C-alpha atoms as a PDB file:
ATOM      1  CA  UNK A   1       6.274 -10.927  30.346  1.00  0.00           C
ATOM      2  CA  UNK A   2       2.620 -11.439  29.940  1.00  0.00           C
ATOM      3  CA  UNK A   3       0.560  -8.526  30.859  1.00  0.00           C
ATOM      4  CA  UNK A   4      -3.035  -8.802  31.585  1.00  0.00           C
ATOM      5  CA  UNK A   5      -6.338  -7.719  30.223  1.00  0.00           C
ATOM      6  CA  UNK A   6      -9.984  -7.454  31.881  1.00  0.00           C
ATOM      7  CA  UNK A   7     -12.286  -8.995  29.730  1.00  0.00           C
ATOM      8  CA  UNK A   8     -16.291  -9.745  30.330  1.00  0.00           C
ATOM      9  CA  UNK A   9     -17.721 -13.664  30.253  1.00  0.00           C
ATOM     10  CA  UNK A  10     -20.650 -14.720  28.622  1.00  0.00           C
ATOM     11  CA  UNK A  11     -22.423 -14.384  32.161  1.00  0.00           C
ATOM     12  CA  UNK A  12     -21.105 -10.694  32.325  1.00  0.00           C
ATOM     13  CA  UNK A  13     -18.490 -11.727  35.014  1.00  0.00           C
ATOM     14  CA  UNK A  14     -15.066  -9.309  34.870  1.00  0.00           C
ATOM     15  CA  UNK A  15     -12.505 -11.900  34.034  1.00  0.00           C
ATOM     16  CA  UNK A  16      -8.763 -11.279  34.125  1.00  0.00           C
ATOM     17  CA  UNK A  17      -6.774 -12.810  31.365  1.00  0.00           C
ATOM     18  CA  UNK A  18      -2.827 -13.023  30.530  1.00  0.00           C
ATOM     19  CA  UNK A  19      -2.031 -11.411  26.883  1.00  0.00           C
ATOM     20  CA  UNK A  20       1.403 -12.239  26.075  1.00  0.00           C
ATOM     21  CA  UNK A  21       2.975  -9.017  24.118  1.00  0.00           C
ATOM     22  CA  UNK A  22       4.320 -11.285  21.463  1.00  0.00           C
ATOM     23  CA  UNK A  23       0.708 -12.261  20.602  1.00  0.00           C
ATOM     24  CA  UNK A  24      -0.400  -8.348  20.466  1.00  0.00           C
ATOM     25  CA  UNK A  25       2.088  -7.514  18.574  1.00  0.00           C
ATOM     26  CA  UNK A  26       1.421 -10.413  15.862  1.00  0.00           C
ATOM     27  CA  UNK A  27      -2.424  -9.248  16.014  1.00  0.00           C
ATOM     28  CA  UNK A  28      -1.695  -5.539  15.619  1.00  0.00           C
ATOM     29  CA  UNK A  29       0.736  -6.276  12.442  1.00  0.00           C
ATOM     30  CA  UNK A  30      -2.393  -8.453  11.420  1.00  0.00           C
ATOM     31  CA  UNK A  31      -4.801  -5.676  11.535  1.00  0.00           C
ATOM     32  CA  UNK A  32      -2.576  -3.377  10.026  1.00  0.00           C
ATOM     33  CA  UNK A  33      -1.976  -5.596   6.978  1.00  0.00           C
ATOM     34  CA  UNK A  34      -5.527  -6.093   6.620  1.00  0.00           C
ATOM     35  CA  UNK A  35      -6.318  -2.198   6.781  1.00  0.00           C
ATOM     36  CA  UNK A  36      -3.514  -1.804   4.139  1.00  0.00           C
ATOM     37  CA  UNK A  37      -5.265  -4.162   1.820  1.00  0.00           C
ATOM     38  CA  UNK A  38      -8.504  -2.629   2.371  1.00  0.00           C
ATOM     39  CA  UNK A  39     -10.012  -6.340   3.120  1.00  0.00           C
ATOM     40  CA  UNK A  40     -12.637  -6.645   6.158  1.00  0.00           C
ATOM     41  CA  UNK A  41     -12.657  -9.118   8.811  1.00  0.00           C
ATOM     42  CA  UNK A  42     -15.358 -10.663   7.317  1.00  0.00           C
ATOM     43  CA  UNK A  43     -13.699 -10.696   3.663  1.00  0.00           C
ATOM     44  CA  UNK A  44     -10.667 -12.215   5.034  1.00  0.00           C
ATOM     45  CA  UNK A  45     -12.856 -14.692   7.001  1.00  0.00           C
ATOM     46  CA  UNK A  46     -14.281 -15.924   3.844  1.00  0.00           C
ATOM     47  CA  UNK A  47     -11.355 -15.897   1.752  1.00  0.00           C
ATOM     48  CA  UNK A  48      -9.170 -18.101   4.912  1.00  0.00           C
ATOM     49  CA  UNK A  49     -11.949 -20.458   6.101  1.00  0.00           C
ATOM     50  CA  UNK A  50     -11.376 -19.004   9.365  1.00  0.00           C
ATOM     51  CA  UNK A  51     -13.950 -17.555  11.480  1.00  0.00           C
ATOM     52  CA  UNK A  52     -14.634 -13.990  12.085  1.00  0.00           C
ATOM     53  CA  UNK A  53     -14.262 -14.489  16.022  1.00  0.00           C
ATOM     54  CA  UNK A  54     -11.044 -16.479  15.772  1.00  0.00           C
ATOM     55  CA  UNK A  55      -9.593 -13.503  13.508  1.00  0.00           C
ATOM     56  CA  UNK A  56     -10.961 -11.146  15.952  1.00  0.00           C
ATOM     57  CA  UNK A  57      -8.879 -12.839  18.855  1.00  0.00           C
ATOM     58  CA  UNK A  58      -6.000 -12.944  16.735  1.00  0.00           C
ATOM     59  CA  UNK A  59      -6.148  -8.941  16.443  1.00  0.00           C
ATOM     60  CA  UNK A  60      -6.959  -8.740  19.847  1.00  0.00           C
ATOM     61  CA  UNK A  61      -3.865 -10.376  21.143  1.00  0.00           C
ATOM     62  CA  UNK A  62      -5.643 -13.711  22.038  1.00  0.00           C
ATOM     63  CA  UNK A  63      -4.455 -15.991  19.080  1.00  0.00           C
ATOM     64  CA  UNK A  64      -3.150 -19.664  19.149  1.00  0.00           C
ATOM     65  CA  UNK A  65      -0.376 -19.594  21.651  1.00  0.00           C
ATOM     66  CA  UNK A  66       0.748 -22.522  19.761  1.00  0.00           C
ATOM     67  CA  UNK A  67       2.554 -19.468  18.061  1.00  0.00           C
ATOM     68  CA  UNK A  68       4.585 -18.881  21.522  1.00  0.00           C
ATOM     69  CA  UNK A  69       6.307 -21.942  21.202  1.00  0.00           C
ATOM     70  CA  UNK A  70       7.845 -21.218  17.861  1.00  0.00           C
ATOM     71  CA  UNK A  71       8.654 -17.873  19.288  1.00  0.00           C
ATOM     72  CA  UNK A  72      10.438 -19.163  22.314  1.00  0.00           C
ATOM     73  CA  UNK A  73      12.157 -21.916  20.038  1.00  0.00           C
ATOM     74  CA  UNK A  74      13.963 -19.059  17.918  1.00  0.00           C
ATOM     75  CA  UNK A  75      14.756 -17.131  20.955  1.00  0.00           C
ATOM     76  CA  UNK A  76      16.907 -20.147  22.196  1.00  0.00           C
ATOM     77  CA  UNK A  77      18.174 -21.102  19.190  1.00  0.00           C
ATOM     78  CA  UNK A  78      19.133 -17.222  18.671  1.00  0.00           C
ATOM     79  CA  UNK A  79      17.646 -16.911  15.211  1.00  0.00           C
ATOM     80  CA  UNK A  80      15.042 -14.677  13.920  1.00  0.00           C
ATOM     81  CA  UNK A  81      11.249 -16.528  13.915  1.00  0.00           C
ATOM     82  CA  UNK A  82      11.166 -15.994  10.137  1.00  0.00           C
ATOM     83  CA  UNK A  83      14.245 -18.525   9.790  1.00  0.00           C
ATOM     84  CA  UNK A  84      12.249 -21.037  11.644  1.00  0.00           C
ATOM     85  CA  UNK A  85       9.328 -20.857   9.340  1.00  0.00           C
ATOM     86  CA  UNK A  86      11.064 -20.402   6.033  1.00  0.00           C
ATOM     87  CA  UNK A  87      10.847 -16.981   5.135  1.00  0.00           C
ATOM     88  CA  UNK A  88      13.055 -16.596   1.955  1.00  0.00           C
ATOM     89  CA  UNK A  89      15.206 -13.599   3.576  1.00  0.00           C
ATOM     90  CA  UNK A  90      16.571 -15.885   5.671  1.00  0.00           C
ATOM     91  CA  UNK A  91      17.411 -18.765   3.024  1.00  0.00           C
ATOM     92  CA  UNK A  92      21.226 -18.204   2.719  1.00  0.00           C
ATOM     93  CA  UNK A  93      24.134 -16.592   4.765  1.00  0.00           C
ATOM     94  CA  UNK A  94      24.017 -13.878   2.289  1.00  0.00           C
ATOM     95  CA  UNK A  95      20.420 -12.969   3.015  1.00  0.00           C
ATOM     96  CA  UNK A  96      20.769 -13.478   7.043  1.00  0.00           C
ATOM     97  CA  UNK A  97      23.753 -11.008   6.807  1.00  0.00           C
ATOM     98  CA  UNK A  98      21.805  -8.421   4.783  1.00  0.00           C
ATOM     99  CA  UNK A  99      19.194  -8.510   7.496  1.00  0.00           C
ATOM    100  CA  UNK A 100      21.498  -8.110  10.025  1.00  0.00           C
ATOM    101  CA  UNK A 101      22.971  -5.080   8.426  1.00  0.00           C
ATOM    102  CA  UNK A 102      19.723  -3.402   8.136  1.00  0.00           C
ATOM    103  CA  UNK A 103      17.777  -4.335  10.986  1.00  0.00           C
ATOM    104  CA  UNK A 104      18.026  -1.440  13.194  1.00  0.00           C
ATOM    105  CA  UNK A 105      18.481   1.102  10.198  1.00  0.00           C
ATOM    106  CA  UNK A 106      16.088   4.016   9.981  1.00  0.00           C
ATOM    107  CA  UNK A 107      13.481   4.935   7.301  1.00  0.00           C
ATOM    108  CA  UNK A 108      15.823   7.328   5.598  1.00  0.00           C
ATOM    109  CA  UNK A 109      18.689   4.836   5.377  1.00  0.00           C
ATOM    110  CA  UNK A 110      16.578   1.893   4.100  1.00  0.00           C
ATOM    111  CA  UNK A 111      15.217   4.399   1.354  1.00  0.00           C
ATOM    112  CA  UNK A 112      18.972   4.992   0.314  1.00  0.00           C
ATOM    113  CA  UNK A 113      19.907   1.259   0.362  1.00  0.00           C
ATOM    114  CA  UNK A 114      16.827   0.598  -1.900  1.00  0.00           C
ATOM    115  CA  UNK A 115      17.309   2.903  -4.550  1.00  0.00           C
ATOM    116  CA  UNK A 116      21.014   1.741  -4.413  1.00  0.00           C
ATOM    117  CA  UNK A 117      19.953  -1.945  -4.852  1.00  0.00           C
ATOM    118  CA  UNK A 118      17.419  -1.170  -7.592  1.00  0.00           C
ATOM    119  CA  UNK A 119      20.550   0.954  -9.633  1.00  0.00           C
ATOM    120  CA  UNK A 120      22.511  -1.839  -9.063  1.00  0.00           C
ATOM    121  CA  UNK A 121      19.943  -4.480 -10.179  1.00  0.00           C
ATOM    122  CA  UNK A 122      19.136  -2.327 -12.735  1.00  0.00           C
ATOM    123  CA  UNK A 123      15.605  -2.466 -12.118  1.00  0.00           C
ATOM    124  CA  UNK A 124      15.382   1.379 -11.375  1.00  0.00           C
ATOM    125  CA  UNK A 125      14.473   3.518 -14.857  1.00  0.00           C
ATOM    126  CA  UNK A 126      16.678   6.351 -15.698  1.00  0.00           C
ATOM    127  CA  UNK A 127      14.273   8.899 -15.470  1.00  0.00           C
ATOM    128  CA  UNK A 128      12.797   7.651 -11.963  1.00  0.00           C
ATOM    129  CA  UNK A 129      11.074  11.495 -10.832  1.00  0.00           C
ATOM    130  CA  UNK A 130      12.287  13.148 -13.823  1.00  0.00           C
ATOM    131  CA  UNK A 131      10.110  10.690 -16.089  1.00  0.00           C
ATOM    132  CA  UNK A 132       7.420  12.204 -18.065  1.00  0.00           C
ATOM    133  CA  UNK A 133       5.230   9.504 -17.625  1.00  0.00           C
ATOM    134  CA  UNK A 134       3.281  10.904 -14.200  1.00  0.00           C
ATOM    135  CA  UNK A 135       1.423   8.313 -11.955  1.00  0.00           C
ATOM    136  CA  UNK A 136      -1.319   9.191  -9.414  1.00  0.00           C
ATOM    137  CA  UNK A 137      -1.584   7.328  -5.947  1.00  0.00           C
ATOM    138  CA  UNK A 138      -3.954   7.615  -3.256  1.00  0.00           C
ATOM    139  CA  UNK A 139      -7.268   6.287  -1.749  1.00  0.00           C
ATOM    140  CA  UNK A 140     -10.148   6.180  -3.855  1.00  0.00           C
ATOM    141  CA  UNK A 141     -11.795  10.060  -3.691  1.00  0.00           C
ATOM    142  CA  UNK A 142      -8.416  11.583  -3.762  1.00  0.00           C
ATOM    143  CA  UNK A 143      -9.113  12.801  -7.189  1.00  0.00           C
ATOM    144  CA  UNK A 144      -7.247  10.600  -9.392  1.00  0.00           C
ATOM    145  CA  UNK A 145      -9.427  10.353 -11.861  1.00  0.00           C
ATOM    146  CA  UNK A 146     -10.695  13.922 -12.180  1.00  0.00           C
ATOM    147  CA  UNK A 147      -7.532  15.582 -11.994  1.00  0.00           C
ATOM    148  CA  UNK A 148      -5.708  12.866 -14.229  1.00  0.00           C
ATOM    149  CA  UNK A 149      -8.146  13.400 -16.850  1.00  0.00           C
ATOM    150  CA  UNK A 150      -7.247  16.933 -16.893  1.00  0.00           C
ATOM    151  CA  UNK A 151      -3.898  16.873 -16.655  1.00  0.00           C
ATOM    152  CA  UNK A 152      -3.695  14.716 -19.787  1.00  0.00           C
ATOM    153  CA  UNK A 153      -5.596  16.878 -21.579  1.00  0.00           C
ATOM    154  CA  UNK A 154      -3.551  19.871 -20.637  1.00  0.00           C
ATOM    155  CA  UNK A 155      -0.305  17.988 -21.689  1.00  0.00           C
ATOM    156  CA  UNK A 156      -1.875  16.348 -24.455  1.00  0.00           C
ATOM    157  CA  UNK A 157      -0.951  12.553 -23.124  1.00  0.00           C
ATOM    158  CA  UNK A 158      -3.051   9.446 -22.909  1.00  0.00           C
ATOM    159  CA  UNK A 159      -4.859   9.058 -20.073  1.00  0.00           C
ATOM    160  CA  UNK A 160      -4.486   5.342 -18.386  1.00  0.00           C
ATOM    161  CA  UNK A 161      -7.027   3.966 -15.743  1.00  0.00           C
ATOM    162  CA  UNK A 162      -5.252   1.407 -14.707  1.00  0.00           C
ATOM    163  CA  UNK A 163      -8.577   0.052 -13.121  1.00  0.00           C
ATOM    164  CA  UNK A 164     -10.165  -0.226 -16.251  1.00  0.00           C
ATOM    165  CA  UNK A 165      -6.986  -1.712 -18.036  1.00  0.00           C
ATOM    166  CA  UNK A 166      -7.266  -4.370 -15.434  1.00  0.00           C
ATOM    167  CA  UNK A 167     -10.843  -5.108 -15.760  1.00  0.00           C
ATOM    168  CA  UNK A 168     -10.310  -5.291 -19.692  1.00  0.00           C
ATOM    169  CA  UNK A 169      -7.644  -8.030 -19.094  1.00  0.00           C
ATOM    170  CA  UNK A 170      -9.833 -10.028 -16.592  1.00  0.00           C
ATOM    171  CA  UNK A 171     -13.023 -10.115 -18.753  1.00  0.00           C
ATOM    172  CA  UNK A 172     -15.066  -8.831 -15.504  1.00  0.00           C
ATOM    173  CA  UNK A 173     -15.182  -6.220 -12.986  1.00  0.00           C
ATOM    174  CA  UNK A 174     -12.479  -5.590 -10.225  1.00  0.00           C
ATOM    175  CA  UNK A 175     -15.451  -6.652  -7.935  1.00  0.00           C
ATOM    176  CA  UNK A 176     -15.762 -10.172  -9.852  1.00  0.00           C
ATOM    177  CA  UNK A 177     -11.881 -10.595  -9.762  1.00  0.00           C
ATOM    178  CA  UNK A 178     -11.561 -10.518  -6.156  1.00  0.00           C
ATOM    179  CA  UNK A 179     -14.639 -12.744  -5.316  1.00  0.00           C
ATOM    180  CA  UNK A 180     -13.793 -15.466  -7.909  1.00  0.00           C
ATOM    181  CA  UNK A 181     -10.072 -15.454  -8.462  1.00  0.00           C
ATOM    182  CA  UNK A 182      -8.732 -13.938  -5.249  1.00  0.00           C
ATOM    183  CA  UNK A 183      -6.359 -11.297  -4.389  1.00  0.00           C
ATOM    184  CA  UNK A 184      -3.445 -12.789  -5.509  1.00  0.00           C
ATOM    185  CA  UNK A 185      -4.841 -12.914  -9.090  1.00  0.00           C
ATOM    186  CA  UNK A 186      -5.836  -9.537  -8.942  1.00  0.00           C
ATOM    187  CA  UNK A 187      -2.158  -8.537  -8.302  1.00  0.00           C
ATOM    188  CA  UNK A 188      -0.980 -10.364 -11.150  1.00  0.00           C
ATOM    189  CA  UNK A 189      -3.645  -8.703 -13.700  1.00  0.00           C
ATOM    190  CA  UNK A 190      -2.421  -5.198 -12.021  1.00  0.00           C
ATOM    191  CA  UNK A 191       1.130  -6.106 -12.749  1.00  0.00           C
ATOM    192  CA  UNK A 192      -0.003  -6.913 -15.947  1.00  0.00           C
ATOM    193  CA  UNK A 193      -1.674  -3.632 -16.685  1.00  0.00           C
ATOM    194  CA  UNK A 194       0.983  -1.801 -15.551  1.00  0.00           C
ATOM    195  CA  UNK A 195       3.846  -3.286 -17.551  1.00  0.00           C
ATOM    196  CA  UNK A 196       1.694  -2.868 -20.582  1.00  0.00           C
ATOM    197  CA  UNK A 197       1.041   0.914 -19.462  1.00  0.00           C
ATOM    198  CA  UNK A 198       4.825   1.289 -19.180  1.00  0.00           C
ATOM    199  CA  UNK A 199       5.862  -0.311 -22.221  1.00  0.00           C
ATOM    200  CA  UNK A 200       2.957   1.364 -24.531  1.00  0.00           C
ATOM    201  CA  UNK A 201       3.251   5.053 -23.047  1.00  0.00           C
ATOM    202  CA  UNK A 202       6.352   6.735 -22.945  1.00  0.00           C
ATOM    203  CA  UNK A 203       4.263   9.586 -22.088  1.00  0.00           C
ATOM    204  CA  UNK A 204       1.103   9.271 -19.980  1.00  0.00           C
ATOM    205  CA  UNK A 205      -0.882  10.145 -16.987  1.00  0.00           C
ATOM    206  CA  UNK A 206      -1.603   6.974 -15.113  1.00  0.00           C
ATOM    207  CA  UNK A 207      -4.329   6.842 -12.522  1.00  0.00           C
ATOM    208  CA  UNK A 208      -3.508   3.645 -10.430  1.00  0.00           C
ATOM    209  CA  UNK A 209      -6.029   1.536  -8.533  1.00  0.00           C
ATOM    210  CA  UNK A 210      -5.653   2.507  -4.456  1.00  0.00           C
ATOM    211  CA  UNK A 211      -4.270  -0.424  -3.127  1.00  0.00           C
ATOM    212  CA  UNK A 212      -1.563  -0.774  -5.627  1.00  0.00           C
ATOM    213  CA  UNK A 213       0.899  -0.073  -2.953  1.00  0.00           C
ATOM    214  CA  UNK A 214       0.306  -2.640  -1.005  1.00  0.00           C
ATOM    215  CA  UNK A 215       1.818  -5.048  -3.413  1.00  0.00           C
ATOM    216  CA  UNK A 216       5.664  -4.118  -3.046  1.00  0.00           C
ATOM    217  CA  UNK A 217       6.715  -5.376  -6.761  1.00  0.00           C
ATOM    218  CA  UNK A 218       4.049  -3.465  -8.490  1.00  0.00           C
ATOM    219  CA  UNK A 219       4.961  -0.483  -6.399  1.00  0.00           C
ATOM    220  CA  UNK A 220       8.582  -0.677  -6.861  1.00  0.00           C
ATOM    221  CA  UNK A 221       7.552  -0.983 -10.975  1.00  0.00           C
ATOM    222  CA  UNK A 222       5.649   2.430 -10.951  1.00  0.00           C
ATOM    223  CA  UNK A 223       8.196   4.135  -8.579  1.00  0.00           C
ATOM    224  CA  UNK A 224      11.251   3.325 -10.707  1.00  0.00           C
ATOM    225  CA  UNK A 225       9.237   4.254 -14.163  1.00  0.00           C
ATOM    226  CA  UNK A 226       6.736   7.294 -13.338  1.00  0.00           C
ATOM    227  CA  UNK A 227       6.831  10.532 -11.539  1.00  0.00           C
ATOM    228  CA  UNK A 228       4.396   9.736  -8.881  1.00  0.00           C
ATOM    229  CA  UNK A 229       2.212  12.302  -6.993  1.00  0.00           C
ATOM    230  CA  UNK A 230       0.512  11.122  -4.214  1.00  0.00           C
ATOM    231  CA  UNK A 231      -2.874  12.923  -4.219  1.00  0.00           C
ATOM    232  CA  UNK A 232      -3.952  13.026  -0.352  1.00  0.00           C
ATOM    233  CA  UNK A 233      -7.517  14.354   0.636  1.00  0.00           C
ATOM    234  CA  UNK A 234      -9.122  14.646   4.561  1.00  0.00           C
ATOM    235  CA  UNK A 235     -10.970  11.524   5.330  1.00  0.00           C
ATOM    236  CA  UNK A 236     -14.588  13.130   5.043  1.00  0.00           C
ATOM    237  CA  UNK A 237     -13.791  13.997   1.421  1.00  0.00           C
ATOM    238  CA  UNK A 238     -12.661  10.717   0.719  1.00  0.00           C
ATOM    239  CA  UNK A 239     -15.836   9.307   1.918  1.00  0.00           C
ATOM    240  CA  UNK A 240     -18.121  11.744   0.280  1.00  0.00           C
ATOM    241  CA  UNK A 241     -16.449  11.696  -2.996  1.00  0.00           C
ATOM    242  CA  UNK A 242     -16.700   7.886  -3.139  1.00  0.00           C
ATOM    243  CA  UNK A 243     -20.584   8.185  -2.157  1.00  0.00           C
ATOM    244  CA  UNK A 244     -20.981  10.733  -4.934  1.00  0.00           C
ATOM    245  CA  UNK A 245     -19.528   8.536  -7.587  1.00  0.00           C
ATOM    246  CA  UNK A 246     -21.851   5.751  -6.201  1.00  0.00           C
ATOM    247  CA  UNK A 247     -19.524   2.806  -4.903  1.00  0.00           C
ATOM    248  CA  UNK A 248     -18.827   2.426  -1.584  1.00  0.00           C
ATOM    249  CA  UNK A 249     -16.205  -0.319  -1.684  1.00  0.00           C
ATOM    250  CA  UNK A 250     -14.191  -1.836   0.515  1.00  0.00           C
ATOM    251  CA  UNK A 251     -16.491  -0.328   3.528  1.00  0.00           C
ATOM    252  CA  UNK A 252     -19.965  -1.676   1.716  1.00  0.00           C
ATOM    253  CA  UNK A 253     -22.129  -3.324   4.504  1.00  0.00           C
ATOM    254  CA  UNK A 254     -19.908  -2.264   7.646  1.00  0.00           C
ATOM    255  CA  UNK A 255     -21.415   0.272  10.279  1.00  0.00           C
ATOM    256  CA  UNK A 256     -17.790   1.805  10.909  1.00  0.00           C
ATOM    257  CA  UNK A 257     -17.484   2.983   7.762  1.00  0.00           C
ATOM    258  CA  UNK A 258     -15.357   6.198   8.714  1.00  0.00           C
ATOM    259  CA  UNK A 259     -13.093   4.338  10.929  1.00  0.00           C
ATOM    260  CA  UNK A 260     -12.464   1.473   8.555  1.00  0.00           C
ATOM    261  CA  UNK A 261     -11.484   4.375   5.893  1.00  0.00           C
ATOM    262  CA  UNK A 262      -9.256   6.030   8.431  1.00  0.00           C
ATOM    263  CA  UNK A 263      -7.789   2.824   9.166  1.00  0.00           C
ATOM    264  CA  UNK A 264      -7.160   2.358   5.516  1.00  0.00           C
ATOM    265  CA  UNK A 265      -5.239   5.585   5.088  1.00  0.00           C
ATOM    266  CA  UNK A 266      -3.042   5.702   8.108  1.00  0.00           C
ATOM    267  CA  UNK A 267      -2.156   1.865   7.361  1.00  0.00           C
ATOM    268  CA  UNK A 268      -1.377   3.216   3.734  1.00  0.00           C
ATOM    269  CA  UNK A 269       0.510   6.397   4.513  1.00  0.00           C
ATOM    270  CA  UNK A 270       4.100   5.462   4.888  1.00  0.00           C
ATOM    271  CA  UNK A 271       3.790   3.363   1.389  1.00  0.00           C
ATOM    272  CA  UNK A 272       1.957   6.358  -0.405  1.00  0.00           C
ATOM    273  CA  UNK A 273       4.701   8.783   1.040  1.00  0.00           C
ATOM    274  CA  UNK A 274       7.278   7.250  -0.973  1.00  0.00           C
ATOM    275  CA  UNK A 275       5.831   9.083  -3.955  1.00  0.00           C
ATOM    276  CA  UNK A 276       8.123  11.714  -5.643  1.00  0.00           C
ATOM    277  CA  UNK A 277       5.440  14.418  -5.227  1.00  0.00           C
ATOM    278  CA  UNK A 278       2.619  14.894  -2.574  1.00  0.00           C
ATOM    279  CA  UNK A 279      -0.584  17.515  -2.803  1.00  0.00           C
ATOM    280  CA  UNK A 280      -3.581  17.593  -0.504  1.00  0.00           C
ATOM    281  CA  UNK A 281      -6.810  17.800  -2.513  1.00  0.00           C
ATOM    282  CA  UNK A 282      -8.677  18.935   0.335  1.00  0.00           C
ATOM    283  CA  UNK A 283      -7.406  22.569   1.090  1.00  0.00           C
ATOM    284  CA  UNK A 284      -8.689  24.402  -1.872  1.00  0.00           C
ATOM    285  CA  UNK A 285     -11.271  24.195  -5.078  1.00  0.00           C
ATOM    286  CA  UNK A 286     -10.827  21.824  -7.895  1.00  0.00           C
ATOM    287  CA  UNK A 287      -9.536  24.599 -10.523  1.00  0.00           C
ATOM    288  CA  UNK A 288      -6.462  25.399  -7.668  1.00  0.00           C
ATOM    289  CA  UNK A 289      -5.989  22.143  -7.242  1.00  0.00           C
ATOM    290  CA  UNK A 290      -5.246  21.490 -10.302  1.00  0.00           C
ATOM    291  CA  UNK A 291      -2.974  24.686 -10.721  1.00  0.00           C
ATOM    292  CA  UNK A 292      -0.870  23.549  -7.739  1.00  0.00           C
ATOM    293  CA  UNK A 293      -0.458  20.112  -9.759  1.00  0.00           C
ATOM    294  CA  UNK A 294       0.916  21.732 -12.828  1.00  0.00           C
ATOM    295  CA  UNK A 295       3.044  24.169 -10.496  1.00  0.00           C
ATOM    296  CA  UNK A 296       4.537  20.912  -8.659  1.00  0.00           C
ATOM    297  CA  UNK A 297       5.044  18.837 -11.690  1.00  0.00           C
ATOM    298  CA  UNK A 298       6.675  22.232 -13.848  1.00  0.00           C
ATOM    299  CA  UNK A 299       8.904  22.817 -10.453  1.00  0.00           C
ATOM    300  CA  UNK A 300      10.326  18.985 -10.126  1.00  0.00           C
ATOM    301  CA  UNK A 301      11.066  18.836 -13.985  1.00  0.00           C
ATOM    302  CA  UNK A 302      12.813  22.202 -13.628  1.00  0.00           C
ATOM    303  CA  UNK A 303      14.729  21.087 -10.617  1.00  0.00           C
ATOM    304  CA  UNK A 304      15.530  17.720 -12.591  1.00  0.00           C
ATOM    305  CA  UNK A 305      16.870  19.642 -15.542  1.00  0.00           C
ATOM    306  CA  UNK A 306      19.272  21.824 -13.329  1.00  0.00           C
ATOM    307  CA  UNK A 307      20.769  18.736 -11.796  1.00  0.00           C
ATOM    308  CA  UNK A 308      21.006  16.990 -15.150  1.00  0.00           C
ATOM    309  CA  UNK A 309      23.523  20.460 -16.523  1.00  0.00           C
ATOM    310  CA  UNK A 310      25.354  20.354 -13.162  1.00  0.00           C
ATOM    311  CA  UNK A 311      25.879  16.732 -13.340  1.00  0.00           C
ATOM    312  CA  UNK A 312      27.073  17.268 -17.198  1.00  0.00           C
ATOM    313  CA  UNK A 313      29.275  19.878 -16.091  1.00  0.00           C
END
């Protein structure tokens, strides 16, 4: 059943309009995806050729109602809407059966299933969380470059800044990759840089781009071959550190920079939390934070060594 929303017309008069819950949920998913990938509405409009006003209507639950026709047909046919539009997870009976088994599972169960599938397919490295290849993840301004360089020096490991590797492969800056070739091309460069880093460096500290978690393939690759650490920080610290670096992407040109940053953090938090370890970089000075990082990694290494000994016994 549709809800109603009071809106203001161009003349200033109050207008009551029906808002369908399906369209509201669709709009929320669009906004969440946009936040997760750190794309402004203006940038999305430029990339799609769809006006900002139309995108705003979509996010507010006032999208093209023709999508409701598909939803109603799917309901009548008792099938997922994804099956109608050709989602790959509906292309065979086995896929459909897997979807139905997992449909109501909680995050803990899904996590176990994902690991089991990875082991079954051989896509999970044997090292996993005990790997000596360490990857730092998190939004820009979390401290990945600073702590990563310190950690690499302490461990005498190579320090790999994946963003710089991506730029070397592309022969231009990340901003130029996005502007000239688009997000899909950027993800391909990101995957190539990550695959090469994994292949070349058995021991390394890798600083990753903040949006890497937005690509499931790249993030799975990282989780499978590295001990991952999510460096967290308060939004204000993220903002100030980025300003101090003289780089204001992706919030440049918006008046609601802090709101955008918080939305990105919120939309990515569930993905960042998949990291093997977590550390807040806002609650203590840099030296103390580095000490905590070393302790965290040492404890993790000790834990896995004990687990291997118990398994061998």
